[in-house]
PDB file of N, CA and C in Angstrom:
ATOM      1  N   MET A   1      91.525  75.718 216.923  1.00  0.00           N
ATOM      2  CA  MET A   1      92.810  76.920 216.780  1.00  0.00           C
ATOM      3  C   MET A   1      92.691  78.186 217.900  1.00  0.00           C
ATOM      4  N   GLN A   2      93.813  78.488 218.484  1.00  0.00           N
ATOM      5  CA  GLN A   2      93.679  79.654 218.679  1.00  0.00           C
ATOM      6  C   GLN A   2      94.761  80.448 218.768  1.00  0.00           C
ATOM      7  N   HIS A   3      93.740  81.927 218.068  1.00  0.00           N
ATOM      8  CA  HIS A   3      94.344  82.849 217.126  1.00  0.00           C
ATOM      9  C   HIS A   3      93.902  84.311 218.190  1.00  0.00           C
ATOM     10  N   THR A   4      95.103  84.295 218.234  1.00  0.00           N
ATOM     11  CA  THR A   4      96.397  86.127 218.761  1.00  0.00           C
ATOM     12  C   THR A   4      94.639  87.104 218.152  1.00  0.00           C
ATOM     13  N   LYS A   5      94.483  87.761 219.414  1.00  0.00           N
ATOM     14  CA  LYS A   5      93.818  89.088 218.738  1.00  0.00           C
ATOM     15  C   LYS A   5      95.064  89.849 218.451  1.00  0.00           C
ATOM     16  N   ILE A   6      94.444  90.549 218.471  1.00  0.00           N
ATOM     17  CA  ILE A   6      95.643  91.712 217.594  1.00  0.00           C
ATOM     18  C   ILE A   6      94.159  93.076 217.441  1.00  0.00           C
ATOM     19  N   GLU A   7      95.364  94.394 217.954  1.00  0.00           N
ATOM     20  CA  GLU A   7      94.444  95.475 218.112  1.00  0.00           C
ATOM     21  C   GLU A   7      93.427  95.851 216.809  1.00  0.00           C
ATOM     22  N   VAL A   8      92.498  96.426 216.593  1.00  0.00           N
ATOM     23  CA  VAL A   8      91.290  97.148 215.568  1.00  0.00           C
ATOM     24  C   VAL A   8      92.341  98.217 214.936  1.00  0.00           C
ATOM     25  N   GLU A   9      93.464  98.535 215.030  1.00  0.00           N
ATOM     26  CA  GLU A   9      94.238  99.626 214.672  1.00  0.00           C
ATOM     27  C   GLU A   9      95.259  99.283 214.063  1.00  0.00           C
ATOM     28  N   GLN A  10      95.920  97.702 214.209  1.00  0.00           N
ATOM     29  CA  GLN A  10      96.836  96.778 213.568  1.00  0.00           C
ATOM     30  C   GLN A  10      95.532  96.334 212.259  1.00  0.00           C
ATOM     31  N   ALA A  11      94.214  95.949 212.730  1.00  0.00           N
ATOM     32  CA  ALA A  11      94.007  94.848 211.923  1.00  0.00           C
ATOM     33  C   ALA A  11      93.704  96.370 210.886  1.00  0.00           C
ATOM     34  N   SER A  12      92.936  97.095 210.907  1.00  0.00           N
ATOM     35  CA  SER A  12      93.083  98.429 209.777  1.00  0.00           C
ATOM     36  C   SER A  12      94.073  98.458 208.729  1.00  0.00           C
ATOM     37  N   LEU A  13      95.126  98.527 209.393  1.00  0.00           N
ATOM     38  CA  LEU A  13      96.095  98.604 208.698  1.00  0.00           C
ATOM     39  C   LEU A  13      96.508  97.633 207.668  1.00  0.00           C
ATOM     40  N   VAL A  14      96.403  96.452 208.072  1.00  0.00           N
ATOM     41  CA  VAL A  14      96.136  95.143 207.397  1.00  0.00           C
ATOM     42  C   VAL A  14      95.492  95.047 206.513  1.00  0.00           C
ATOM     43  N   LEU A  15      94.287  95.661 206.680  1.00  0.00           N
ATOM     44  CA  LEU A  15      93.173  95.262 205.162  1.00  0.00           C
ATOM     45  C   LEU A  15      93.449  96.175 204.695  1.00  0.00           C
ATOM     46  N   LYS A  16      93.789  97.447 205.035  1.00  0.00           N
ATOM     47  CA  LYS A  16      93.857  98.580 204.548  1.00  0.00           C
ATOM     48  C   LYS A  16      95.504  98.412 202.948  1.00  0.00           C
ATOM     49  N   LEU A  17      96.127  98.007 203.585  1.00  0.00           N
ATOM     50  CA  LEU A  17      96.825  97.143 202.867  1.00  0.00           C
ATOM     51  C   LEU A  17      96.459  96.040 201.849  1.00  0.00           C
ATOM     52  N   LEU A  18      95.362  95.228 202.666  1.00  0.00           N
ATOM     53  CA  LEU A  18      95.306  94.684 201.503  1.00  0.00           C
ATOM     54  C   LEU A  18      93.843  94.816 200.659  1.00  0.00           C
ATOM     55  N   GLY A  19      93.182  95.848 200.881  1.00  0.00           N
ATOM     56  CA  GLY A  19      92.563  96.637 199.908  1.00  0.00           C
ATOM     57  C   GLY A  19      93.141  96.995 198.804  1.00  0.00           C
ATOM     58  N   ASP A  20      94.291  97.099 198.444  1.00  0.00           N
ATOM     59  CA  ASP A  20      95.015  96.878 197.251  1.00  0.00           C
ATOM     60  C   ASP A  20      94.797  95.733 195.980  1.00  0.00           C
ATOM     61  N   LYS A  21      93.982  96.139 195.399  1.00  0.00           N
ATOM     62  CA  LYS A  21      94.111  95.089 194.478  1.00  0.00           C
ATOM     63  C   LYS A  21      95.315  94.369 193.831  1.00  0.00           C
ATOM     64  N   THR A  22      96.468  95.028 193.508  1.00  0.00           N
ATOM     65  CA  THR A  22      98.088  94.373 193.409  1.00  0.00           C
ATOM     66  C   THR A  22      98.536  93.842 195.058  1.00  0.00           C
ATOM     67  N   ARG A  23      98.521  94.653 195.676  1.00  0.00           N
ATOM     68  CA  ARG A  23      98.993  93.992 196.749  1.00  0.00           C
ATOM     69  C   ARG A  23      97.778  92.327 196.938  1.00  0.00           C
ATOM     70  N   LEU A  24      96.887  92.026 197.223  1.00  0.00           N
ATOM     71  CA  LEU A  24      96.163  91.494 197.527  1.00  0.00           C
ATOM     72  C   LEU A  24      95.895  89.981 196.160  1.00  0.00           C
ATOM     73  N   THR A  25      97.101  90.539 195.179  1.00  0.00           N
ATOM     74  CA  THR A  25      96.754  89.945 194.203  1.00  0.00           C
ATOM     75  C   THR A  25      98.542  89.010 194.381  1.00  0.00           C
ATOM     76  N   ILE A  26      98.938  89.259 195.146  1.00  0.00           N
ATOM     77  CA  ILE A  26     100.708  89.241 195.368  1.00  0.00           C
ATOM     78  C   ILE A  26     100.989  88.154 196.559  1.00  0.00           C
ATOM     79  N   MET A  27      99.887  88.400 197.261  1.00  0.00           N
ATOM     80  CA  MET A  27      99.443  88.041 198.668  1.00  0.00           C
ATOM     81  C   MET A  27      99.075  86.014 197.973  1.00  0.00           C
ATOM     82  N   ALA A  28      98.100  86.723 197.270  1.00  0.00           N
ATOM     83  CA  ALA A  28      97.795  84.468 196.897  1.00  0.00           C
ATOM     84  C   ALA A  28      98.173  84.647 195.637  1.00  0.00           C
ATOM     85  N   LEU A  29      99.110  84.971 195.617  1.00  0.00           N
ATOM     86  CA  LEU A  29     100.019  84.564 193.999  1.00  0.00           C
ATOM     87  C   LEU A  29     101.648  84.306 195.262  1.00  0.00           C
ATOM     88  N   LEU A  30     101.435  84.047 196.025  1.00  0.00           N
ATOM     89  CA  LEU A  30     102.812  83.994 197.366  1.00  0.00           C
ATOM     90  C   LEU A  30     102.144  82.459 198.056  1.00  0.00           C
ATOM     91  N   THR A  31     101.025  82.374 197.549  1.00  0.00           N
ATOM     92  CA  THR A  31     100.337  81.660 198.345  1.00  0.00           C
ATOM     93  C   THR A  31     101.024  80.151 198.004  1.00  0.00           C
ATOM     94  N   MET A  32     100.877  80.715 196.823  1.00  0.00           N
ATOM     95  CA  MET A  32     101.420  79.141 195.529  1.00  0.00           C
ATOM     96  C   MET A  32     103.060  78.817 195.560  1.00  0.00           C
ATOM     97  N   ARG A  33     103.830  79.844 195.976  1.00  0.00           N
ATOM     98  CA  ARG A  33     105.311  80.031 196.038  1.00  0.00           C
ATOM     99  C   ARG A  33     105.826  80.972 195.977  1.00  0.00           C
ATOM    100  N   GLU A  34     107.521  80.836 196.466  1.00  0.00           N
ATOM    101  CA  GLU A  34     107.738  82.359 196.846  1.00  0.00           C
ATOM    102  C   GLU A  34     108.593  82.696 195.062  1.00  0.00           C
ATOM    103  N   LEU A  35     107.956  83.877 194.888  1.00  0.00           N
ATOM    104  CA  LEU A  35     108.868  84.650 193.402  1.00  0.00           C
ATOM    105  C   LEU A  35     109.497  86.074 193.736  1.00  0.00           C
ATOM    106  N   CYS A  36     110.108  86.439 192.873  1.00  0.00           N
ATOM    107  CA  CYS A  36     110.791  87.340 192.473  1.00  0.00           C
ATOM    108  C   CYS A  36     110.201  88.241 191.655  1.00  0.00           C
ATOM    109  N   VAL A  37     111.392  89.764 192.259  1.00  0.00           N
ATOM    110  CA  VAL A  37     110.130  90.609 191.493  1.00  0.00           C
ATOM    111  C   VAL A  37     110.395  90.355 189.753  1.00  0.00           C
ATOM    112  N   CYS A  38     111.000  90.219 188.934  1.00  0.00           N
ATOM    113  CA  CYS A  38     110.872  90.084 188.066  1.00  0.00           C
ATOM    114  C   CYS A  38     110.194  88.924 187.589  1.00  0.00           C
ATOM    115  N   GLU A  39     109.457  88.009 188.479  1.00  0.00           N
ATOM    116  CA  GLU A  39     108.480  86.793 188.464  1.00  0.00           C
ATOM    117  C   GLU A  39     107.006  88.198 188.206  1.00  0.00           C
ATOM    118  N   LEU A  40     106.973  89.058 188.788  1.00  0.00           N
ATOM    119  CA  LEU A  40     106.196  89.240 189.182  1.00  0.00           C
ATOM    120  C   LEU A  40     105.132  90.376 188.189  1.00  0.00           C
ATOM    121  N   LEU A  41     106.481  90.320 187.320  1.00  0.00           N
ATOM    122  CA  LEU A  41     106.705  91.421 186.696  1.00  0.00           C
ATOM    123  C   LEU A  41     105.614  90.886 185.109  1.00  0.00           C
ATOM    124  N   GLU A  42     105.542  89.735 185.036  1.00  0.00           N
ATOM    125  CA  GLU A  42     105.634  88.934 184.044  1.00  0.00           C
ATOM    126  C   GLU A  42     103.426  89.825 184.041  1.00  0.00           C
ATOM    127  N   VAL A  43     103.164  89.889 185.129  1.00  0.00           N
ATOM    128  CA  VAL A  43     101.715  89.481 185.475  1.00  0.00           C
ATOM    129  C   VAL A  43     101.171  90.554 185.756  1.00  0.00           C
ATOM    130  N   PHE A  44     101.699  91.971 185.858  1.00  0.00           N
ATOM    131  CA  PHE A  44     101.519  93.815 186.126  1.00  0.00           C
ATOM    132  C   PHE A  44     101.726  94.563 185.329  1.00  0.00           C
ATOM    133  N   ASP A  45     101.069  94.593 184.684  1.00  0.00           N
ATOM    134  CA  ASP A  45     101.211  95.950 184.349  1.00  0.00           C
ATOM    135  C   ASP A  45     101.705  97.101 184.727  1.00  0.00           C
ATOM    136  N   MET A  46     102.976  97.313 185.236  1.00  0.00           N
ATOM    137  CA  MET A  46     103.599  98.008 186.199  1.00  0.00           C
ATOM    138  C   MET A  46     104.807  98.305 185.617  1.00  0.00           C
ATOM    139  N   SER A  47     105.772  99.322 186.948  1.00  0.00           N
ATOM    140  CA  SER A  47     106.985  99.059 186.597  1.00  0.00           C
ATOM    141  C   SER A  47     107.916  98.575 187.428  1.00  0.00           C
ATOM    142  N   GLN A  48     109.007  98.198 187.641  1.00  0.00           N
ATOM    143  CA  GLN A  48     109.971  97.402 188.196  1.00  0.00           C
ATOM    144  C   GLN A  48     109.808  97.938 190.081  1.00  0.00           C
ATOM    145  N   PRO A  49     110.067  99.261 189.694  1.00  0.00           N
ATOM    146  CA  PRO A  49     109.680  99.893 191.449  1.00  0.00           C
ATOM    147  C   PRO A  49     108.416 100.026 191.604  1.00  0.00           C
ATOM    148  N   SER A  50     107.466  99.820 190.943  1.00  0.00           N
ATOM    149  CA  SER A  50     105.389 100.324 191.577  1.00  0.00           C
ATOM    150  C   SER A  50     105.817  98.665 191.659  1.00  0.00           C
ATOM    151  N   ILE A  51     106.502  97.154 191.700  1.00  0.00           N
ATOM    152  CA  ILE A  51     106.156  96.061 192.185  1.00  0.00           C
ATOM    153  C   ILE A  51     107.192  96.310 192.944  1.00  0.00           C
ATOM    154  N   SER A  52     107.850  97.043 193.787  1.00  0.00           N
ATOM    155  CA  SER A  52     109.108  97.056 194.566  1.00  0.00           C
ATOM    156  C   SER A  52     108.502  97.575 195.567  1.00  0.00           C
ATOM    157  N   GLN A  53     107.536  98.740 195.118  1.00  0.00           N
ATOM    158  CA  GLN A  53     107.191  99.087 196.059  1.00  0.00           C
ATOM    159  C   GLN A  53     106.012  98.149 197.321  1.00  0.00           C
ATOM    160  N   HIS A  54     104.599  98.135 196.332  1.00  0.00           N
ATOM    161  CA  HIS A  54     103.879  97.173 196.949  1.00  0.00           C
ATOM    162  C   HIS A  54     104.608  96.425 198.093  1.00  0.00           C
ATOM    163  N   LEU A  55     105.730  95.401 197.363  1.00  0.00           N
ATOM    164  CA  LEU A  55     106.550  94.324 197.914  1.00  0.00           C
ATOM    165  C   LEU A  55     106.910  94.916 199.578  1.00  0.00           C
ATOM    166  N   ARG A  56     107.287  96.208 199.169  1.00  0.00           N
ATOM    167  CA  ARG A  56     107.581  96.593 200.264  1.00  0.00           C
ATOM    168  C   ARG A  56     106.683  96.924 201.677  1.00  0.00           C
ATOM    169  N   LYS A  57     106.379  97.638 201.457  1.00  0.00           N
ATOM    170  CA  LYS A  57     104.403  97.861 202.317  1.00  0.00           C
ATOM    171  C   LYS A  57     104.461  96.542 203.060  1.00  0.00           C
ATOM    172  N   LEU A  58     104.422  95.135 202.125  1.00  0.00           N
ATOM    173  CA  LEU A  58     103.748  94.266 202.460  1.00  0.00           C
ATOM    174  C   LEU A  58     105.106  93.600 204.119  1.00  0.00           C
ATOM    175  N   LYS A  59     106.086  94.273 203.518  1.00  0.00           N
ATOM    176  CA  LYS A  59     107.115  93.346 204.201  1.00  0.00           C
ATOM    177  C   LYS A  59     107.073  94.546 205.178  1.00  0.00           C
ATOM    178  N   ASP A  60     107.332  95.848 205.049  1.00  0.00           N
ATOM    179  CA  ASP A  60     107.444  96.548 206.325  1.00  0.00           C
ATOM    180  C   ASP A  60     106.090  96.385 207.270  1.00  0.00           C
ATOM    181  N   ALA A  61     104.783  95.912 206.786  1.00  0.00           N
ATOM    182  CA  ALA A  61     103.681  95.463 208.042  1.00  0.00           C
ATOM    183  C   ALA A  61     104.340  93.987 208.091  1.00  0.00           C
ATOM    184  N   GLY A  62     104.891  93.007 207.734  1.00  0.00           N
ATOM    185  CA  GLY A  62     105.185  91.859 208.365  1.00  0.00           C
ATOM    186  C   GLY A  62     104.522  90.500 207.733  1.00  0.00           C
ATOM    187  N   LEU A  63     104.163  90.928 206.776  1.00  0.00           N
ATOM    188  CA  LEU A  63     102.929  90.065 205.984  1.00  0.00           C
ATOM    189  C   LEU A  63     103.883  89.459 205.310  1.00  0.00           C
ATOM    190  N   VAL A  64     104.925  89.991 204.703  1.00  0.00           N
ATOM    191  CA  VAL A  64     105.998  89.192 203.527  1.00  0.00           C
ATOM    192  C   VAL A  64     107.923  89.417 204.109  1.00  0.00           C
ATOM    193  N   LYS A  65     108.155  88.451 203.850  1.00  0.00           N
ATOM    194  CA  LYS A  65     109.227  88.210 204.566  1.00  0.00           C
ATOM    195  C   LYS A  65     110.403  88.156 202.831  1.00  0.00           C
ATOM    196  N   GLU A  66     111.436  88.063 203.002  1.00  0.00           N
ATOM    197  CA  GLU A  66     112.733  88.156 201.556  1.00  0.00           C
ATOM    198  C   GLU A  66     113.183  87.458 202.230  1.00  0.00           C
ATOM    199  N   GLU A  67     113.412  86.689 201.381  1.00  0.00           N
ATOM    200  CA  GLU A  67     115.049  85.377 201.356  1.00  0.00           C
ATOM    201  C   GLU A  67     116.282  85.854 200.241  1.00  0.00           C
ATOM    202  N   ARG A  68     117.460  86.681 200.454  1.00  0.00           N
ATOM    203  CA  ARG A  68     118.065  86.503 199.192  1.00  0.00           C
ATOM    204  C   ARG A  68     119.044  85.570 198.674  1.00  0.00           C
ATOM    205  N   LYS A  69     118.695  85.307 197.392  1.00  0.00           N
ATOM    206  CA  LYS A  69     119.680  83.867 197.160  1.00  0.00           C
ATOM    207  C   LYS A  69     120.534  84.394 195.739  1.00  0.00           C
ATOM    208  N   GLY A  70     121.384  84.744 196.258  1.00  0.00           N
ATOM    209  CA  GLY A  70     122.478  85.573 195.262  1.00  0.00           C
ATOM    210  C   GLY A  70     122.350  86.918 195.343  1.00  0.00           C
ATOM    211  N   GLN A  71     122.285  87.253 193.802  1.00  0.00           N
ATOM    212  CA  GLN A  71     122.192  88.893 193.869  1.00  0.00           C
ATOM    213  C   GLN A  71     120.605  89.169 194.091  1.00  0.00           C
ATOM    214  N   TRP A  72     119.873  88.271 193.737  1.00  0.00           N
ATOM    215  CA  TRP A  72     118.445  87.935 193.541  1.00  0.00           C
ATOM    216  C   TRP A  72     118.101  88.150 195.941  1.00  0.00           C
ATOM    217  N   ILE A  73     116.278  88.793 195.408  1.00  0.00           N
ATOM    218  CA  ILE A  73     115.385  88.328 196.642  1.00  0.00           C
ATOM    219  C   ILE A  73     114.175  88.210 195.911  1.00  0.00           C
ATOM    220  N   TYR A  74     114.000  86.887 196.621  1.00  0.00           N
ATOM    221  CA  TYR A  74     112.434  85.707 196.901  1.00  0.00           C
ATOM    222  C   TYR A  74     111.696  86.659 197.977  1.00  0.00           C
ATOM    223  N   TYR A  75     110.409  86.176 197.208  1.00  0.00           N
ATOM    224  CA  TYR A  75     109.635  86.863 198.575  1.00  0.00           C
ATOM    225  C   TYR A  75     108.352  85.685 199.353  1.00  0.00           C
ATOM    226  N   SER A  76     108.604  85.603 200.277  1.00  0.00           N
ATOM    227  CA  SER A  76     107.173  84.792 200.358  1.00  0.00           C
ATOM    228  C   SER A  76     106.461  85.388 201.909  1.00  0.00           C
ATOM    229  N   ILE A  77     105.654  84.228 201.978  1.00  0.00           N
ATOM    230  CA  ILE A  77     104.637  84.880 202.769  1.00  0.00           C
ATOM    231  C   ILE A  77     104.693  84.873 204.438  1.00  0.00           C
ATOM    232  N   ASN A  78     104.734  85.723 205.312  1.00  0.00           N
ATOM    233  CA  ASN A  78     105.582  85.433 206.299  1.00  0.00           C
ATOM    234  C   ASN A  78     104.518  84.525 207.640  1.00  0.00           C
ATOM    235  N   LYS A  79     104.806  83.530 207.337  1.00  0.00           N
ATOM    236  CA  LYS A  79     103.530  82.756 208.144  1.00  0.00           C
ATOM    237  C   LYS A  79     103.983  82.937 209.928  1.00  0.00           C
ATOM    238  N   ASN A  80     104.649  83.743 210.370  1.00  0.00           N
ATOM    239  CA  ASN A  80     105.153  83.804 211.507  1.00  0.00           C
ATOM    240  C   ASN A  80     104.778  85.053 212.139  1.00  0.00           C
ATOM    241  N   SER A  81     104.279  85.681 211.667  1.00  0.00           N
ATOM    242  CA  SER A  81     103.182  87.100 211.485  1.00  0.00           C
ATOM    243  C   SER A  81     102.339  86.453 212.580  1.00  0.00           C
ATOM    244  N   ASP A  82     102.063  87.907 213.021  1.00  0.00           N
ATOM    245  CA  ASP A  82     101.052  87.913 214.232  1.00  0.00           C
ATOM    246  C   ASP A  82      99.752  88.332 213.247  1.00  0.00           C
ATOM    247  N   TRP A  83      99.992  88.689 211.836  1.00  0.00           N
ATOM    248  CA  TRP A  83      98.704  88.765 211.040  1.00  0.00           C
ATOM    249  C   TRP A  83      98.020  87.868 210.149  1.00  0.00           C
ATOM    250  N   TYR A  84      99.073  86.608 210.116  1.00  0.00           N
ATOM    251  CA  TYR A  84      99.127  85.387 209.598  1.00  0.00           C
ATOM    252  C   TYR A  84      98.015  85.118 209.800  1.00  0.00           C
ATOM    253  N   PRO A  85      97.165  84.768 210.506  1.00  0.00           N
ATOM    254  CA  PRO A  85      95.381  84.175 211.155  1.00  0.00           C
ATOM    255  C   PRO A  85      95.128  85.193 210.142  1.00  0.00           C
ATOM    256  N   LEU A  86      94.637  86.819 210.076  1.00  0.00           N
ATOM    257  CA  LEU A  86      93.915  87.268 209.550  1.00  0.00           C
ATOM    258  C   LEU A  86      94.127  86.590 208.539  1.00  0.00           C
ATOM    259  N   VAL A  87      95.340  87.518 207.309  1.00  0.00           N
ATOM    260  CA  VAL A  87      95.274  86.850 206.147  1.00  0.00           C
ATOM    261  C   VAL A  87      95.097  85.257 205.947  1.00  0.00           C
ATOM    262  N   GLU A  88      94.945  84.647 206.485  1.00  0.00           N
ATOM    263  CA  GLU A  88      94.915  83.181 205.760  1.00  0.00           C
ATOM    264  C   GLU A  88      93.472  82.846 206.147  1.00  0.00           C
ATOM    265  N   ASN A  89      92.618  84.408 206.596  1.00  0.00           N
ATOM    266  CA  ASN A  89      91.264  83.784 206.928  1.00  0.00           C
ATOM    267  C   ASN A  89      90.976  84.409 205.674  1.00  0.00           C
ATOM    268  N   ILE A  90      91.414  85.105 204.980  1.00  0.00           N
ATOM    269  CA  ILE A  90      91.259  86.447 203.660  1.00  0.00           C
ATOM    270  C   ILE A  90      91.259  85.762 202.997  1.00  0.00           C
ATOM    271  N   LEU A  91      92.580  85.594 202.264  1.00  0.00           N
ATOM    272  CA  LEU A  91      92.687  84.951 200.821  1.00  0.00           C
ATOM    273  C   LEU A  91      92.161  83.761 200.587  1.00  0.00           C
ATOM    274  N   PRO A  92      91.436  82.477 201.341  1.00  0.00           N
ATOM    275  CA  PRO A  92      90.497  81.438 200.346  1.00  0.00           C
ATOM    276  C   PRO A  92      89.122  82.642 200.002  1.00  0.00           C
ATOM    277  N   PHE A  93      89.055  83.900 200.136  1.00  0.00           N
ATOM    278  CA  PHE A  93      88.052  84.680 199.222  1.00  0.00           C
ATOM    279  C   PHE A  93      88.837  85.685 197.871  1.00  0.00           C
ATOM    280  N   VAL A  94      89.877  84.735 197.644  1.00  0.00           N
ATOM    281  CA  VAL A  94      89.996  86.457 196.962  1.00  0.00           C
ATOM    282  C   VAL A  94      90.218  85.023 195.189  1.00  0.00           C
ATOM    283  N   PRO A  95      90.122  84.788 194.128  1.00  0.00           N
ATOM    284  CA  PRO A  95      89.923  83.860 193.095  1.00  0.00           C
ATOM    285  C   PRO A  95      91.343  83.323 193.099  1.00  0.00           C
ATOM    286  N   GLU A  96      91.509  82.097 192.629  1.00  0.00           N
ATOM    287  CA  GLU A  96      92.775  81.561 192.030  1.00  0.00           C
ATOM    288  C   GLU A  96      92.788  82.097 191.812  1.00  0.00           C
ATOM    289  N   GLN A  97      95.158  82.137 191.226  1.00  0.00           N
ATOM    290  CA  GLN A  97      96.061  82.539 190.307  1.00  0.00           C
ATOM    291  C   GLN A  97      96.880  82.170 189.777  1.00  0.00           C
ATOM    292  N   THR A  98      95.855  80.925 189.282  1.00  0.00           N
ATOM    293  CA  THR A  98      96.738  79.522 188.494  1.00  0.00           C
ATOM    294  C   THR A  98      96.828  80.299 187.279  1.00  0.00           C
ATOM    295  N   GLU A  99      96.121  81.082 186.721  1.00  0.00           N
ATOM    296  CA  GLU A  99      96.591  81.758 185.027  1.00  0.00           C
ATOM    297  C   GLU A  99      97.321  82.578 185.310  1.00  0.00           C
ATOM    298  N   LYS A 100      97.635  83.084 186.578  1.00  0.00           N
ATOM    299  CA  LYS A 100      98.735  84.417 186.125  1.00  0.00           C
ATOM    300  C   LYS A 100      99.549  83.540 186.899  1.00  0.00           C
ATOM    301  N   MET A 101      99.899  82.586 187.782  1.00  0.00           N
ATOM    302  CA  MET A 101     101.452  81.716 187.773  1.00  0.00           C
ATOM    303  C   MET A 101     101.708  80.859 185.913  1.00  0.00           C
ATOM    304  N   GLU A 102     100.480  80.602 185.688  1.00  0.00           N
ATOM    305  CA  GLU A 102     101.268  79.499 184.019  1.00  0.00           C
ATOM    306  C   GLU A 102     101.743  80.847 183.646  1.00  0.00           C
ATOM    307  N   GLN A 103     101.093  81.832 183.247  1.00  0.00           N
ATOM    308  CA  GLN A 103     101.574  83.100 182.719  1.00  0.00           C
ATOM    309  C   GLN A 103     103.082  83.006 183.114  1.00  0.00           C
ATOM    310  N   ILE A 104     103.206  82.899 184.498  1.00  0.00           N
ATOM    311  CA  ILE A 104     104.796  83.092 185.361  1.00  0.00           C
ATOM    312  C   ILE A 104     105.644  82.222 184.646  1.00  0.00           C
ATOM    313  N   LEU A 105     105.444  80.473 184.614  1.00  0.00           N
ATOM    314  CA  LEU A 105     105.872  79.429 184.692  1.00  0.00           C
ATOM    315  C   LEU A 105     106.471  79.724 183.151  1.00  0.00           C
ATOM    316  N   LYS A 106     105.603  79.763 182.200  1.00  0.00           N
ATOM    317  CA  LYS A 106     105.500  79.666 180.836  1.00  0.00           C
ATOM    318  C   LYS A 106     106.731  80.320 180.357  1.00  0.00           C
ATOM    319  N   SER A 107     106.613  81.502 181.255  1.00  0.00           N
ATOM    320  CA  SER A 107     107.633  82.826 180.702  1.00  0.00           C
ATOM    321  C   SER A 107     108.810  83.216 180.632  1.00  0.00           C
ATOM    322  N   ASN A 108     108.650  82.153 181.891  1.00  0.00           N
ATOM    323  CA  ASN A 108     110.309  81.975 183.162  1.00  0.00           C
ATOM    324  C   ASN A 108     111.320  82.626 182.569  1.00  0.00           C
ATOM    325  N   PRO A 109     110.834  84.361 183.668  1.00  0.00           N
ATOM    326  CA  PRO A 109     111.335  85.021 183.631  1.00  0.00           C
ATOM    327  C   PRO A 109     112.695  84.902 184.640  1.00  0.00           C
ATOM    328  N   THR A 110     112.708  84.559 185.504  1.00  0.00           N
ATOM    329  CA  THR A 110     114.207  83.880 186.103  1.00  0.00           C
ATOM    330  C   THR A 110     115.126  84.053 185.060  1.00  0.00           C
ATOM    331  N   MET A 111     114.986  83.428 184.009  1.00  0.00           N
ATOM    332  CA  MET A 111     116.171  82.880 182.884  1.00  0.00           C
ATOM    333  C   MET A 111     116.729  84.519 182.013  1.00  0.00           C
ATOM    334  N   ARG A 112     115.628  85.505 181.744  1.00  0.00           N
ATOM    335  CA  ARG A 112     115.789  86.793 181.379  1.00  0.00           C
ATOM    336  C   ARG A 112     117.008  87.244 182.673  1.00  0.00           C
ATOM    337  N   CYS A 113     115.774  86.941 183.665  1.00  0.00           N
ATOM    338  CA  CYS A 113     116.605  88.303 184.387  1.00  0.00           C
ATOM    339  C   CYS A 113     117.773  87.297 185.758  1.00  0.00           C
ATOM    340  N   GLY A 114     118.175  86.100 185.631  1.00  0.00           N
ATOM    341  CA  GLY A 114     118.875  85.599 185.761  1.00  0.00           C
ATOM    342  C   GLY A 114     118.561  85.109 187.570  1.00  0.00           C
ATOM    343  N   CYS A 115     117.452  85.534 188.448  1.00  0.00           N
ATOM    344  CA  CYS A 115     117.297  84.947 189.394  1.00  0.00           C
ATOM    345  C   CYS A 115     117.530  83.306 190.276  1.00  0.00           C
TER     346      CYS A 115
END
């Protein structure tokens, strides 16, 4: 498969974004399914504005996309991004987030927040 070459500066930006453990974990979780902020609140010990800030950085870089469903916004990996091949090669090295995903599914925060 032929990958598009990206500039070193762009690769550095993507790697810097993914160098943050919260953002890297979010990306790993998003490989499993799309998520809303209230679901991510279940597995991170931080405020909703903090999680939203991480998601905004990922979105601004084109790594994630958002889709509005009613009043809620769901986030997913942007597979059309020029940087997706780089991300796709990095994520297999991140431990599976099955436990965190099970925690999200068990607590079912979407019932509380109305997502």
